[in-house]
All heavy atoms as atom14 arrays in JSON, in Angstrom:
{
  "sequence": "GCLSLTGYEGILGYRTSTDTKDWNEAKEAARQKEREAVAPIVEELRRT",
  "atom14_mask": [
    [1, 1, 1, 1, 0, 0, 0, 0, 0, 0, 0, 0, 0, 0],
    [1, 1, 1, 1, 1, 1, 0, 0, 0, 0, 0, 0, 0, 0],
    [1, 1, 1, 1, 1, 1, 1, 1, 0, 0, 0, 0, 0, 0],
    [1, 1, 1, 1, 1, 1, 0, 0, 0, 0, 0, 0, 0, 0],
    [1, 1, 1, 1, 1, 1, 1, 1, 0, 0, 0, 0, 0, 0],
    [1, 1, 1, 1, 1, 1, 1, 0, 0, 0, 0, 0, 0, 0],
    [1, 1, 1, 1, 0, 0, 0, 0, 0, 0, 0, 0, 0, 0],
    [1, 1, 1, 1, 1, 1, 1, 1, 1, 1, 1, 1, 0, 0],
    [1, 1, 1, 1, 1, 1, 1, 1, 1, 0, 0, 0, 0, 0],
    [1, 1, 1, 1, 0, 0, 0, 0, 0, 0, 0, 0, 0, 0],
    [1, 1, 1, 1, 1, 1, 1, 1, 0, 0, 0, 0, 0, 0],
    [1, 1, 1, 1, 1, 1, 1, 1, 0, 0, 0, 0, 0, 0],
    [1, 1, 1, 1, 0, 0, 0, 0, 0, 0, 0, 0, 0, 0],
    [1, 1, 1, 1, 1, 1, 1, 1, 1, 1, 1, 1, 0, 0],
    [1, 1, 1, 1, 1, 1, 1, 1, 1, 1, 1, 0, 0, 0],
    [1, 1, 1, 1, 1, 1, 1, 0, 0, 0, 0, 0, 0, 0],
    [1, 1, 1, 1, 1, 1, 0, 0, 0, 0, 0, 0, 0, 0],
    [1, 1, 1, 1, 1, 1, 1, 0, 0, 0, 0, 0, 0, 0],
    [1, 1, 1, 1, 1, 1, 1, 1, 0, 0, 0, 0, 0, 0],
    [1, 1, 1, 1, 1, 1, 1, 0, 0, 0, 0, 0, 0, 0],
    [1, 1, 1, 1, 1, 1, 1, 1, 1, 0, 0, 0, 0, 0],
    [1, 1, 1, 1, 1, 1, 1, 1, 0, 0, 0, 0, 0, 0],
    [1, 1, 1, 1, 1, 1, 1, 1, 1, 1, 1, 1, 1, 1],
    [1, 1, 1, 1, 1, 1, 1, 1, 0, 0, 0, 0, 0, 0],
    [1, 1, 1, 1, 1, 1, 1, 1, 1, 0, 0, 0, 0, 0],
    [1, 1, 1, 1, 1, 0, 0, 0, 0, 0, 0, 0, 0, 0],
    [1, 1, 1, 1, 1, 1, 1, 1, 1, 0, 0, 0, 0, 0],
    [1, 1, 1, 1, 1, 1, 1, 1, 1, 0, 0, 0, 0, 0],
    [1, 1, 1, 1, 1, 0, 0, 0, 0, 0, 0, 0, 0, 0],
    [1, 1, 1, 1, 1, 0, 0, 0, 0, 0, 0, 0, 0, 0],
    [1, 1, 1, 1, 1, 1, 1, 1, 1, 1, 1, 0, 0, 0],
    [1, 1, 1, 1, 1, 1, 1, 1, 1, 0, 0, 0, 0, 0],
    [1, 1, 1, 1, 1, 1, 1, 1, 1, 0, 0, 0, 0, 0],
    [1, 1, 1, 1, 1, 1, 1, 1, 1, 0, 0, 0, 0, 0],
    [1, 1, 1, 1, 1, 1, 1, 1, 1, 1, 1, 0, 0, 0],
    [1, 1, 1, 1, 1, 1, 1, 1, 1, 0, 0, 0, 0, 0],
    [1, 1, 1, 1, 1, 0, 0, 0, 0, 0, 0, 0, 0, 0],
    [1, 1, 1, 1, 1, 1, 1, 0, 0, 0, 0, 0, 0, 0],
    [1, 1, 1, 1, 1, 0, 0, 0, 0, 0, 0, 0, 0, 0],
    [1, 1, 1, 1, 1, 1, 1, 0, 0, 0, 0, 0, 0, 0],
    [1, 1, 1, 1, 1, 1, 1, 1, 0, 0, 0, 0, 0, 0],
    [1, 1, 1, 1, 1, 1, 1, 0, 0, 0, 0, 0, 0, 0],
    [1, 1, 1, 1, 1, 1, 1, 1, 1, 0, 0, 0, 0, 0],
    [1, 1, 1, 1, 1, 1, 1, 1, 1, 0, 0, 0, 0, 0],
    [1, 1, 1, 1, 1, 1, 1, 1, 0, 0, 0, 0, 0, 0],
    [1, 1, 1, 1, 1, 1, 1, 1, 1, 1, 1, 0, 0, 0],
    [1, 1, 1, 1, 1, 1, 1, 1, 1, 1, 1, 0, 0, 0],
    [1, 1, 1, 1, 1, 1, 1, 0, 0, 0, 0, 0, 0, 0]
  ],
  "atom14_positions": [
    [[-125.73, -29.26, -31.63], [-125.18, -29.55, -32.92], [-124.12, -30.62, -32.79], [-123.76, -31.04, -31.71], [0.0, 0.0, 0.0], [0.0, 0.0, 0.0], [0.0, 0.0, 0.0], [0.0, 0.0, 0.0], [0.0, 0.0, 0.0], [0.0, 0.0, 0.0], [0.0, 0.0, 0.0], [0.0, 0.0, 0.0], [0.0, 0.0, 0.0], [0.0, 0.0, 0.0]],
    [[-123.61, -31.09, -33.94], [-122.59, -32.13, -33.99], [-121.27, -31.48, -34.42], [-121.23, -30.81, -35.49], [-122.99, -33.23, -34.93], [-121.88, -34.68, -34.85], [0.0, 0.0, 0.0], [0.0, 0.0, 0.0], [0.0, 0.0, 0.0], [0.0, 0.0, 0.0], [0.0, 0.0, 0.0], [0.0, 0.0, 0.0], [0.0, 0.0, 0.0], [0.0, 0.0, 0.0]],
    [[-120.22, -31.63, -33.64], [-118.93, -31.01, -33.93], [-118.05, -31.99, -34.7], [-117.76, -33.08, -34.22], [-118.25, -30.59, -32.61], [-119.06, -29.66, -31.72], [-118.28, -29.33, -30.46], [-119.51, -28.44, -32.46], [0.0, 0.0, 0.0], [0.0, 0.0, 0.0], [0.0, 0.0, 0.0], [0.0, 0.0, 0.0], [0.0, 0.0, 0.0], [0.0, 0.0, 0.0]],
    [[-117.68, -31.59, -35.89], [-116.92, -32.4, -36.84], [-115.42, -32.11, -36.66], [-114.94, -31.04, -37.05], [-117.39, -32.08, -38.26], [-116.55, -32.58, -39.21], [0.0, 0.0, 0.0], [0.0, 0.0, 0.0], [0.0, 0.0, 0.0], [0.0, 0.0, 0.0], [0.0, 0.0, 0.0], [0.0, 0.0, 0.0], [0.0, 0.0, 0.0], [0.0, 0.0, 0.0]],
    [[-114.69, -33.07, -36.08], [-113.34, -32.8, -35.63], [-112.28, -33.52, -36.45], [-112.41, -34.74, -36.7], [-113.18, -33.21, -34.16], [-114.05, -32.5, -33.13], [-113.87, -33.11, -31.79], [-113.73, -30.99, -33.11], [0.0, 0.0, 0.0], [0.0, 0.0, 0.0], [0.0, 0.0, 0.0], [0.0, 0.0, 0.0], [0.0, 0.0, 0.0], [0.0, 0.0, 0.0]],
    [[-111.25, -32.84, -36.84], [-110.02, -33.45, -37.29], [-109.14, -33.68, -36.05], [-109.58, -33.47, -34.93], [-109.27, -32.58, -38.33], [-108.94, -31.32, -37.7], [-110.14, -32.34, -39.53], [0.0, 0.0, 0.0], [0.0, 0.0, 0.0], [0.0, 0.0, 0.0], [0.0, 0.0, 0.0], [0.0, 0.0, 0.0], [0.0, 0.0, 0.0], [0.0, 0.0, 0.0]],
    [[-107.89, -34.04, -36.25], [-107.02, -34.23, -35.12], [-105.6, -33.69, -35.26], [-104.86, -33.63, -34.3], [0.0, 0.0, 0.0], [0.0, 0.0, 0.0], [0.0, 0.0, 0.0], [0.0, 0.0, 0.0], [0.0, 0.0, 0.0], [0.0, 0.0, 0.0], [0.0, 0.0, 0.0], [0.0, 0.0, 0.0], [0.0, 0.0, 0.0], [0.0, 0.0, 0.0]],
    [[-105.26, -33.26, -36.48], [-103.83, -32.97, -36.73], [-103.36, -31.69, -36.03], [-102.16, -31.45, -35.94], [-103.56, -32.92, -38.23], [-104.2, -31.76, -39.0], [-103.46, -30.6, -39.24], [-105.52, -31.84, -39.46], [-104.02, -29.55, -39.95], [-106.08, -30.82, -40.16], [-105.32, -29.67, -40.39], [-105.9, -28.63, -41.1], [0.0, 0.0, 0.0], [0.0, 0.0, 0.0]],
    [[-104.28, -30.85, -35.56], [-103.91, -29.67, -34.77], [-104.59, -29.73, -33.42], [-104.84, -28.7, -32.8], [-104.27, -28.38, -35.5], [-103.44, -28.09, -36.74], [-102.01, -27.67, -36.43], [-101.68, -27.56, -35.24], [-101.27, -27.46, -37.39], [0.0, 0.0, 0.0], [0.0, 0.0, 0.0], [0.0, 0.0, 0.0], [0.0, 0.0, 0.0], [0.0, 0.0, 0.0]],
    [[-104.95, -30.92, -32.96], [-105.67, -31.04, -31.71], [-107.14, -30.77, -31.88], [-107.67, -30.7, -33.03], [0.0, 0.0, 0.0], [0.0, 0.0, 0.0], [0.0, 0.0, 0.0], [0.0, 0.0, 0.0], [0.0, 0.0, 0.0], [0.0, 0.0, 0.0], [0.0, 0.0, 0.0], [0.0, 0.0, 0.0], [0.0, 0.0, 0.0], [0.0, 0.0, 0.0]],
    [[-107.84, -30.56, -30.76], [-109.31, -30.34, -30.81], [-109.67, -29.18, -29.9], [-109.06, -28.95, -28.86], [-110.11, -31.58, -30.42], [-109.91, -31.96, -28.93], [-109.75, -32.78, -31.29], [-110.87, -33.0, -28.41], [0.0, 0.0, 0.0], [0.0, 0.0, 0.0], [0.0, 0.0, 0.0], [0.0, 0.0, 0.0], [0.0, 0.0, 0.0], [0.0, 0.0, 0.0]],
    [[-110.65, -28.42, -30.35], [-111.3, -27.37, -29.57], [-110.3, -26.32, -29.08], [-110.53, -25.64, -28.1], [-112.06, -27.96, -28.37], [-113.08, -29.06, -28.73], [-113.7, -29.61, -27.44], [-114.12, -28.59, -29.68], [0.0, 0.0, 0.0], [0.0, 0.0, 0.0], [0.0, 0.0, 0.0], [0.0, 0.0, 0.0], [0.0, 0.0, 0.0], [0.0, 0.0, 0.0]],
    [[-109.16, -26.19, -29.79], [-108.14, -25.2, -29.41], [-107.06, -25.77, -28.52], [-106.15, -25.03, -28.13], [0.0, 0.0, 0.0], [0.0, 0.0, 0.0], [0.0, 0.0, 0.0], [0.0, 0.0, 0.0], [0.0, 0.0, 0.0], [0.0, 0.0, 0.0], [0.0, 0.0, 0.0], [0.0, 0.0, 0.0], [0.0, 0.0, 0.0], [0.0, 0.0, 0.0]],
    [[-107.06, -27.04, -28.21], [-106.09, -27.68, -27.37], [-105.19, -28.57, -28.22], [-105.71, -29.38, -28.99], [-106.75, -28.47, -26.24], [-107.54, -27.57, -25.33], [-108.84, -27.14, -25.67], [-107.01, -27.11, -24.12], [-109.54, -26.25, -24.88], [-107.74, -26.24, -23.29], [-108.99, -25.8, -23.7], [-109.68, -24.97, -22.88], [0.0, 0.0, 0.0], [0.0, 0.0, 0.0]],
    [[-103.89, -28.46, -28.06], [-102.97, -29.16, -28.95], [-102.7, -30.56, -28.45], [-101.69, -30.87, -27.81], [-101.67, -28.36, -29.1], [-101.92, -26.95, -29.62], [-102.75, -26.94, -30.9], [-103.15, -25.6, -31.34], [-104.27, -25.33, -31.97], [-105.15, -26.3, -32.22], [-104.55, -24.11, -32.33], [0.0, 0.0, 0.0], [0.0, 0.0, 0.0], [0.0, 0.0, 0.0]],
    [[-103.65, -31.44, -28.77], [-103.67, -32.84, -28.28], [-103.06, -33.82, -29.26], [-103.08, -35.01, -29.03], [-105.09, -33.24, -27.96], [-105.9, -33.08, -29.16], [-105.69, -32.4, -26.86], [0.0, 0.0, 0.0], [0.0, 0.0, 0.0], [0.0, 0.0, 0.0], [0.0, 0.0, 0.0], [0.0, 0.0, 0.0], [0.0, 0.0, 0.0], [0.0, 0.0, 0.0]],
    [[-102.49, -33.33, -30.38], [-102.0, -34.21, -31.42], [-100.52, -34.51, -31.21], [-99.8, -33.83, -30.49], [-102.2, -33.57, -32.8], [-101.5, -32.33, -32.86], [0.0, 0.0, 0.0], [0.0, 0.0, 0.0], [0.0, 0.0, 0.0], [0.0, 0.0, 0.0], [0.0, 0.0, 0.0], [0.0, 0.0, 0.0], [0.0, 0.0, 0.0], [0.0, 0.0, 0.0]],
    [[-100.07, -35.57, -31.88], [-98.66, -35.94, -31.88], [-98.02, -35.56, -33.2], [-98.71, -35.39, -34.2], [-98.49, -37.44, -31.66], [-99.19, -38.15, -32.68], [-99.02, -37.86, -30.3], [0.0, 0.0, 0.0], [0.0, 0.0, 0.0], [0.0, 0.0, 0.0], [0.0, 0.0, 0.0], [0.0, 0.0, 0.0], [0.0, 0.0, 0.0], [0.0, 0.0, 0.0]],
    [[-96.71, -35.46, -33.18], [-95.95, -35.25, -34.4], [-94.95, -36.41, -34.5], [-93.96, -36.48, -33.74], [-95.2, -33.91, -34.33], [-94.39, -33.64, -35.59], [-94.28, -34.55, -36.44], [-93.88, -32.5, -35.75], [0.0, 0.0, 0.0], [0.0, 0.0, 0.0], [0.0, 0.0, 0.0], [0.0, 0.0, 0.0], [0.0, 0.0, 0.0], [0.0, 0.0, 0.0]],
    [[-95.24, -37.31, -35.37], [-94.41, -38.52, -35.42], [-93.0, -38.28, -35.95], [-92.11, -39.08, -35.78], [-95.08, -39.58, -36.34], [-95.32, -39.01, -37.63], [-96.38, -40.04, -35.75], [0.0, 0.0, 0.0], [0.0, 0.0, 0.0], [0.0, 0.0, 0.0], [0.0, 0.0, 0.0], [0.0, 0.0, 0.0], [0.0, 0.0, 0.0], [0.0, 0.0, 0.0]],
    [[-92.78, -37.12, -36.6], [-91.46, -36.82, -37.15], [-90.52, -36.22, -36.08], [-89.3, -36.33, -36.21], [-91.61, -35.85, -38.32], [-92.37, -36.46, -39.5], [-92.51, -35.44, -40.64], [-93.28, -36.0, -41.79], [-93.48, -34.99, -42.86], [0.0, 0.0, 0.0], [0.0, 0.0, 0.0], [0.0, 0.0, 0.0], [0.0, 0.0, 0.0], [0.0, 0.0, 0.0]],
    [[-91.07, -35.56, -35.11], [-90.24, -34.84, -34.14], [-90.94, -34.88, -32.78], [-91.79, -34.04, -32.48], [-90.0, -33.4, -34.61], [-89.14, -32.63, -33.6], [-88.43, -33.27, -32.81], [-89.22, -31.37, -33.61], [0.0, 0.0, 0.0], [0.0, 0.0, 0.0], [0.0, 0.0, 0.0], [0.0, 0.0, 0.0], [0.0, 0.0, 0.0], [0.0, 0.0, 0.0]],
    [[-90.59, -35.87, -31.97], [-91.3, -36.06, -30.71], [-90.33, -36.38, -29.6], [-89.29, -37.02, -29.82], [-92.35, -37.17, -30.86], [-93.49, -37.02, -29.89], [-93.84, -37.87, -28.88], [-94.44, -35.97, -29.84], [-94.96, -37.4, -28.2], [-95.33, -36.21, -28.78], [-94.62, -34.81, -30.6], [-96.39, -35.38, -28.46], [-95.65, -33.96, -30.26], [-96.53, -34.24, -29.22]],
    [[-90.64, -35.95, -28.39], [-89.78, -36.25, -27.25], [-90.66, -36.25, -25.98], [-91.88, -35.98, -26.04], [-88.63, -35.26, -27.14], [-89.11, -33.81, -27.07], [-90.04, -33.48, -26.36], [-88.45, -32.94, -27.85], [0.0, 0.0, 0.0], [0.0, 0.0, 0.0], [0.0, 0.0, 0.0], [0.0, 0.0, 0.0], [0.0, 0.0, 0.0], [0.0, 0.0, 0.0]],
    [[-90.03, -36.56, -24.85], [-90.79, -36.7, -23.59], [-91.44, -35.38, -23.18], [-92.54, -35.34, -22.65], [-89.88, -37.21, -22.48], [-89.45, -38.65, -22.65], [-88.61, -39.16, -21.5], [-88.44, -38.36, -20.53], [-88.18, -40.32, -21.53], [0.0, 0.0, 0.0], [0.0, 0.0, 0.0], [0.0, 0.0, 0.0], [0.0, 0.0, 0.0], [0.0, 0.0, 0.0]],
    [[-90.71, -34.27, -23.38], [-91.28, -32.96, -23.0], [-92.52, -32.64, -23.81], [-93.52, -32.14, -23.28], [-90.23, -31.87, -23.18], [0.0, 0.0, 0.0], [0.0, 0.0, 0.0], [0.0, 0.0, 0.0], [0.0, 0.0, 0.0], [0.0, 0.0, 0.0], [0.0, 0.0, 0.0], [0.0, 0.0, 0.0], [0.0, 0.0, 0.0], [0.0, 0.0, 0.0]],
    [[-92.47, -32.93, -25.12], [-93.65, -32.65, -25.93], [-94.81, -33.56, -25.58], [-95.97, -33.16, -25.57], [-93.29, -32.84, -27.42], [-92.38, -31.73, -27.97], [-92.14, -31.91, -29.45], [-91.29, -30.79, -29.99], [-91.06, -30.9, -31.45], [0.0, 0.0, 0.0], [0.0, 0.0, 0.0], [0.0, 0.0, 0.0], [0.0, 0.0, 0.0], [0.0, 0.0, 0.0]],
    [[-94.5, -34.81, -25.24], [-95.58, -35.71, -24.84], [-96.18, -35.29, -23.5], [-97.41, -35.36, -23.31], [-95.05, -37.13, -24.71], [-96.08, -38.17, -24.27], [-97.26, -38.29, -25.18], [-97.16, -37.94, -26.36], [-98.33, -38.75, -24.7], [0.0, 0.0, 0.0], [0.0, 0.0, 0.0], [0.0, 0.0, 0.0], [0.0, 0.0, 0.0], [0.0, 0.0, 0.0]],
    [[-95.36, -34.78, -22.58], [-95.9, -34.28, -21.3], [-96.81, -33.08, -21.54], [-97.87, -32.95, -20.92], [-94.75, -33.89, -20.36], [0.0, 0.0, 0.0], [0.0, 0.0, 0.0], [0.0, 0.0, 0.0], [0.0, 0.0, 0.0], [0.0, 0.0, 0.0], [0.0, 0.0, 0.0], [0.0, 0.0, 0.0], [0.0, 0.0, 0.0], [0.0, 0.0, 0.0]],
    [[-96.4, -32.18, -22.47], [-97.25, -31.02, -22.79], [-98.54, -31.48, -23.42], [-99.63, -30.91, -23.14], [-96.5, -30.1, -23.71], [0.0, 0.0, 0.0], [0.0, 0.0, 0.0], [0.0, 0.0, 0.0], [0.0, 0.0, 0.0], [0.0, 0.0, 0.0], [0.0, 0.0, 0.0], [0.0, 0.0, 0.0], [0.0, 0.0, 0.0], [0.0, 0.0, 0.0]],
    [[-98.48, -32.5, -24.28], [-99.69, -33.01, -24.92], [-100.66, -33.6, -23.9], [-101.85, -33.39, -23.97], [-99.32, -34.05, -25.98], [-100.53, -34.57, -26.78], [-100.07, -35.59, -27.79], [-99.98, -36.9, -27.24], [-100.95, -37.83, -27.32], [-102.1, -37.53, -27.91], [-100.78, -39.04, -26.81], [0.0, 0.0, 0.0], [0.0, 0.0, 0.0], [0.0, 0.0, 0.0]],
    [[-100.13, -34.31, -22.93], [-100.97, -34.89, -21.9], [-101.67, -33.81, -21.07], [-102.83, -33.97, -20.7], [-100.19, -35.84, -21.0], [-99.68, -37.11, -21.68], [-100.85, -37.95, -22.23], [-101.92, -37.99, -21.68], [-100.58, -38.65, -23.33], [0.0, 0.0, 0.0], [0.0, 0.0, 0.0], [0.0, 0.0, 0.0], [0.0, 0.0, 0.0], [0.0, 0.0, 0.0]],
    [[-100.96, -32.72, -20.82], [-101.59, -31.58, -20.11], [-102.75, -31.01, -20.92], [-103.78, -30.61, -20.36], [-100.56, -30.52, -19.82], [-99.59, -30.88, -18.66], [-98.68, -29.72, -18.35], [-97.75, -30.07, -17.18], [-96.83, -28.93, -16.85], [0.0, 0.0, 0.0], [0.0, 0.0, 0.0], [0.0, 0.0, 0.0], [0.0, 0.0, 0.0], [0.0, 0.0, 0.0]],
    [[-102.55, -30.92, -22.24], [-103.62, -30.41, -23.09], [-104.82, -31.4, -23.07], [-105.99, -30.96, -23.11], [-103.12, -30.21, -24.52], [-102.1, -29.09, -24.67], [-102.78, -27.71, -24.58], [-103.26, -27.24, -25.62], [-102.77, -27.15, -23.49], [0.0, 0.0, 0.0], [0.0, 0.0, 0.0], [0.0, 0.0, 0.0], [0.0, 0.0, 0.0], [0.0, 0.0, 0.0]],
    [[-104.54, -32.65, -23.1], [-105.62, -33.65, -23.04], [-106.41, -33.53, -21.72], [-107.63, -33.59, -21.72], [-105.07, -35.07, -23.19], [-104.64, -35.43, -24.59], [-104.01, -36.82, -24.66], [-104.96, -37.85, -24.26], [-105.78, -38.49, -25.1], [-105.79, -38.18, -26.38], [-106.59, -39.43, -24.67], [0.0, 0.0, 0.0], [0.0, 0.0, 0.0], [0.0, 0.0, 0.0]],
    [[-105.69, -33.35, -20.63], [-106.34, -33.15, -19.34], [-107.19, -31.85, -19.34], [-108.27, -31.79, -18.77], [-105.33, -33.11, -18.23], [-104.6, -34.46, -17.99], [-103.43, -34.3, -17.03], [-103.28, -33.19, -16.45], [-102.71, -35.28, -16.87], [0.0, 0.0, 0.0], [0.0, 0.0, 0.0], [0.0, 0.0, 0.0], [0.0, 0.0, 0.0], [0.0, 0.0, 0.0]],
    [[-106.65, -30.82, -19.98], [-107.36, -29.53, -19.97], [-108.63, -29.56, -20.8], [-109.61, -28.91, -20.45], [-106.41, -28.44, -20.5], [0.0, 0.0, 0.0], [0.0, 0.0, 0.0], [0.0, 0.0, 0.0], [0.0, 0.0, 0.0], [0.0, 0.0, 0.0], [0.0, 0.0, 0.0], [0.0, 0.0, 0.0], [0.0, 0.0, 0.0], [0.0, 0.0, 0.0]],
    [[-108.63, -30.31, -21.9], [-109.8, -30.32, -22.77], [-110.89, -31.3, -22.28], [-112.05, -31.14, -22.67], [-109.4, -30.65, -24.22], [-109.16, -32.14, -24.42], [-110.44, -30.15, -25.21], [0.0, 0.0, 0.0], [0.0, 0.0, 0.0], [0.0, 0.0, 0.0], [0.0, 0.0, 0.0], [0.0, 0.0, 0.0], [0.0, 0.0, 0.0], [0.0, 0.0, 0.0]],
    [[-110.53, -32.24, -21.44], [-111.49, -33.26, -20.99], [-112.78, -32.64, -20.37], [-113.88, -33.05, -20.74], [-110.83, -34.24, -20.06], [0.0, 0.0, 0.0], [0.0, 0.0, 0.0], [0.0, 0.0, 0.0], [0.0, 0.0, 0.0], [0.0, 0.0, 0.0], [0.0, 0.0, 0.0], [0.0, 0.0, 0.0], [0.0, 0.0, 0.0], [0.0, 0.0, 0.0]],
    [[-112.66, -31.7, -19.42], [-113.89, -31.1, -18.87], [-114.7, -30.31, -19.91], [-115.92, -30.19, -19.77], [-113.41, -30.23, -17.73], [-111.99, -29.98, -18.01], [-111.46, -31.18, -18.72], [0.0, 0.0, 0.0], [0.0, 0.0, 0.0], [0.0, 0.0, 0.0], [0.0, 0.0, 0.0], [0.0, 0.0, 0.0], [0.0, 0.0, 0.0], [0.0, 0.0, 0.0]],
    [[-114.05, -29.79, -20.92], [-114.75, -29.04, -21.99], [-115.64, -30.04, -22.76], [-116.81, -29.8, -23.01], [-113.77, -28.36, -22.95], [-112.69, -27.6, -22.23], [-114.54, -27.49, -23.95], [-113.16, -26.44, -21.41], [0.0, 0.0, 0.0], [0.0, 0.0, 0.0], [0.0, 0.0, 0.0], [0.0, 0.0, 0.0], [0.0, 0.0, 0.0], [0.0, 0.0, 0.0]],
    [[-115.03, -31.18, -23.13], [-115.79, -32.22, -23.83], [-116.96, -32.71, -22.99], [-118.08, -32.86, -23.5], [-114.86, -33.39, -24.22], [-115.64, -34.58, -24.73], [-113.81, -32.95, -25.24], [0.0, 0.0, 0.0], [0.0, 0.0, 0.0], [0.0, 0.0, 0.0], [0.0, 0.0, 0.0], [0.0, 0.0, 0.0], [0.0, 0.0, 0.0], [0.0, 0.0, 0.0]],
    [[-116.69, -32.93, -21.72], [-117.75, -33.45, -20.83], [-118.93, -32.44, -20.73], [-120.08, -32.87, -20.81], [-117.17, -33.68, -19.43], [-118.18, -34.24, -18.44], [-117.56, -34.43, -17.06], [-116.38, -34.18, -16.87], [-118.32, -34.87, -16.16], [0.0, 0.0, 0.0], [0.0, 0.0, 0.0], [0.0, 0.0, 0.0], [0.0, 0.0, 0.0], [0.0, 0.0, 0.0]],
    [[-118.63, -31.16, -20.61], [-119.7, -30.19, -20.52], [-120.45, -30.03, -21.84], [-121.67, -29.86, -21.85], [-119.13, -28.81, -20.09], [-120.17, -27.71, -19.93], [-121.2, -27.97, -18.85], [-121.05, -28.93, -18.08], [-122.19, -27.22, -18.78], [0.0, 0.0, 0.0], [0.0, 0.0, 0.0], [0.0, 0.0, 0.0], [0.0, 0.0, 0.0], [0.0, 0.0, 0.0]],
    [[-119.74, -30.1, -22.95], [-120.42, -30.05, -24.26], [-121.38, -31.22, -24.38], [-122.54, -31.05, -24.78], [-119.39, -30.08, -25.37], [-118.57, -28.8, -25.57], [-117.39, -29.04, -26.52], [-119.47, -27.64, -26.14], [0.0, 0.0, 0.0], [0.0, 0.0, 0.0], [0.0, 0.0, 0.0], [0.0, 0.0, 0.0], [0.0, 0.0, 0.0], [0.0, 0.0, 0.0]],
    [[-120.93, -32.41, -24.05], [-121.8, -33.6, -24.16], [-123.01, -33.44, -23.23], [-124.12, -33.78, -23.61], [-121.02, -34.86, -23.82], [-120.17, -35.37, -24.95], [-119.8, -36.85, -24.7], [-119.17, -37.46, -25.84], [-119.81, -37.93, -26.88], [-121.13, -37.88, -26.96], [-119.17, -38.5, -27.89], [0.0, 0.0, 0.0], [0.0, 0.0, 0.0], [0.0, 0.0, 0.0]],
    [[-122.77, -32.95, -22.04], [-123.84, -32.83, -21.06], [-124.94, -31.88, -21.54], [-126.13, -32.08, -21.21], [-123.27, -32.35, -19.72], [-124.27, -32.37, -18.57], [-123.71, -31.74, -17.32], [-123.65, -30.29, -17.42], [-124.66, -29.47, -17.17], [-125.87, -29.96, -16.81], [-124.52, -28.16, -17.29], [0.0, 0.0, 0.0], [0.0, 0.0, 0.0], [0.0, 0.0, 0.0]],
    [[-124.53, -30.87, -22.33], [-125.48, -29.85, -22.74], [-125.91, -29.98, -24.18], [-126.26, -28.97, -24.82], [-124.88, -28.43, -22.47], [-123.61, -28.32, -23.12], [-124.7, -28.22, -20.99], [0.0, 0.0, 0.0], [0.0, 0.0, 0.0], [0.0, 0.0, 0.0], [0.0, 0.0, 0.0], [0.0, 0.0, 0.0], [0.0, 0.0, 0.0], [0.0, 0.0, 0.0]]
  ]
}
């Protein structure tokens, strides 16, 4: 199937979005960890 994604709360349960009103280095570091965590999920979904 085709997964229809928004972005304002991240994707697939991982909080990969930014908040332009309240952002700092710690939040960006946490976001990057979420991006790294979801990458293999995306890859496996595409593969299958």
